[in-house]
Amino acid sequence: SYSVSGRAALYKDNGKIVLLLDSFSSSNGPDLKVYLSTSADATSFVSLSKLKSTRGRQIYEVPAGTDHEQYKFALIWCERFSVLFGKAEML
């Protein structure tokens, strides 16, 4: 099993939409990515980046032109093995 904790929020920063992971902590994995997803799994998602670190406050830029309002979940996803490490629903 995997452990992920913290808060996730989308906000505008200098005209760009960014995802903030705050008070963040995650189990380590071989190929962890940060996704925005329309559901609690990775069936419809946009990949933001490779996970920068397994601990601490992190900011990820959402690609320009992405309709961020349709993505309600932030996921930590292992691409290599298609495994969900953790999710957060953004309100």
Protein backbone atom coordinates (compact mmCIF):
# COMPACT_ATOMS: atom_id res chain seq x y z
CA SER A 1 0.00 0.00 0.00
CA TYR A 2 1.07 3.59 -0.57
CA SER A 3 0.72 6.67 1.58
CA VAL A 4 0.05 10.19 0.27
CA SER A 5 -1.05 13.15 2.40
CA GLY A 6 -1.46 16.90 2.12
CA ARG A 7 -3.72 19.38 0.35
CA ALA A 8 -4.16 20.16 -3.34
CA ALA A 9 -5.57 23.37 -4.81
CA LEU A 10 -5.70 25.10 -8.19
CA TYR A 11 -5.17 28.85 -8.30
CA LYS A 12 -4.09 31.65 -10.61
CA ASP A 13 -0.51 32.92 -10.32
CA ASN A 14 0.70 35.71 -12.64
CA GLY A 15 -1.96 34.85 -15.22
CA LYS A 16 -1.19 31.10 -15.17
CA ILE A 17 -3.16 28.31 -13.50
CA VAL A 18 -1.05 26.26 -11.11
CA LEU A 19 -1.57 23.26 -8.86
CA LEU A 20 -0.30 23.67 -5.31
CA LEU A 21 0.52 20.61 -3.23
CA ASP A 22 0.83 21.83 0.36
CA SER A 23 1.95 19.92 3.47
CA PHE A 24 2.64 17.17 0.96
CA SER A 25 4.13 13.75 1.64
CA SER A 26 4.18 10.61 -0.53
CA SER A 27 5.62 7.13 -0.54
CA ASN A 28 8.46 6.85 -3.02
CA GLY A 29 7.98 5.07 -6.34
CA PRO A 30 9.81 4.42 -9.60
CA ASP A 31 7.97 6.74 -12.02
CA LEU A 32 5.70 9.11 -10.10
CA LYS A 33 3.80 11.78 -12.02
CA VAL A 34 1.37 14.52 -11.04
CA TYR A 35 -1.93 14.39 -12.93
CA LEU A 36 -5.11 16.42 -12.98
CA SER A 37 -8.02 14.05 -13.56
CA THR A 38 -11.76 14.29 -14.10
CA SER A 39 -12.28 11.29 -11.80
CA ALA A 40 -10.54 9.47 -8.97
CA ASP A 41 -8.64 7.30 -11.46
CA ALA A 42 -6.50 8.18 -14.46
CA THR A 43 -9.02 7.52 -17.26
CA SER A 44 -9.26 11.18 -18.35
CA PHE A 45 -6.30 13.26 -17.23
CA VAL A 46 -3.61 15.78 -18.08
CA SER A 47 -0.05 15.06 -16.95
CA LEU A 48 1.55 18.08 -15.28
CA SER A 49 5.05 16.83 -14.54
CA LYS A 50 7.26 14.29 -12.90
CA LEU A 51 6.84 14.49 -9.10
CA LYS A 52 9.50 16.95 -7.89
CA SER A 53 9.89 15.51 -4.40
CA THR A 54 8.15 13.11 -2.03
CA ARG A 55 7.94 15.85 0.63
CA GLY A 56 7.13 19.51 0.96
CA ARG A 57 5.24 22.33 -0.73
CA GLN A 58 5.24 22.06 -4.53
CA ILE A 59 3.80 24.03 -7.44
CA TYR A 60 3.03 22.64 -10.92
CA GLU A 61 1.97 24.75 -13.90
CA VAL A 62 -1.17 23.63 -15.72
CA PRO A 63 -0.60 23.68 -19.51
CA ALA A 64 -2.04 26.74 -21.28
CA GLY A 65 -5.38 26.03 -22.91
CA THR A 66 -6.34 23.33 -20.38
CA ASP A 67 -9.93 23.66 -19.17
CA HIS A 68 -8.86 23.31 -15.53
CA GLU A 69 -12.47 23.53 -14.29
CA GLN A 70 -13.23 20.03 -15.57
CA TYR A 71 -10.43 18.45 -13.51
CA LYS A 72 -11.59 17.82 -9.94
CA PHE A 73 -8.80 15.52 -8.71
CA ALA A 74 -5.04 15.73 -8.29
CA LEU A 75 -3.40 12.31 -8.59
CA ILE A 76 0.02 10.94 -7.79
CA TRP A 77 0.37 8.20 -10.38
CA CYS A 78 3.09 5.65 -11.16
CA GLU A 79 3.17 5.67 -14.98
CA ARG A 80 5.47 2.68 -15.33
CA PHE A 81 3.12 0.32 -13.48
CA SER A 82 -0.22 2.20 -13.87
CA VAL A 83 -0.70 2.42 -10.11
CA LEU A 84 -2.48 5.16 -8.17
CA PHE A 85 -0.39 6.23 -5.17
CA GLY A 86 -2.84 8.86 -3.90
CA LYS A 87 -5.54 11.35 -4.82
CA ALA A 88 -7.02 14.59 -3.56
CA GLU A 89 -10.38 16.06 -4.52
CA MET A 90 -10.16 19.79 -5.09
CA LEU A 91 -13.12 21.84 -3.89
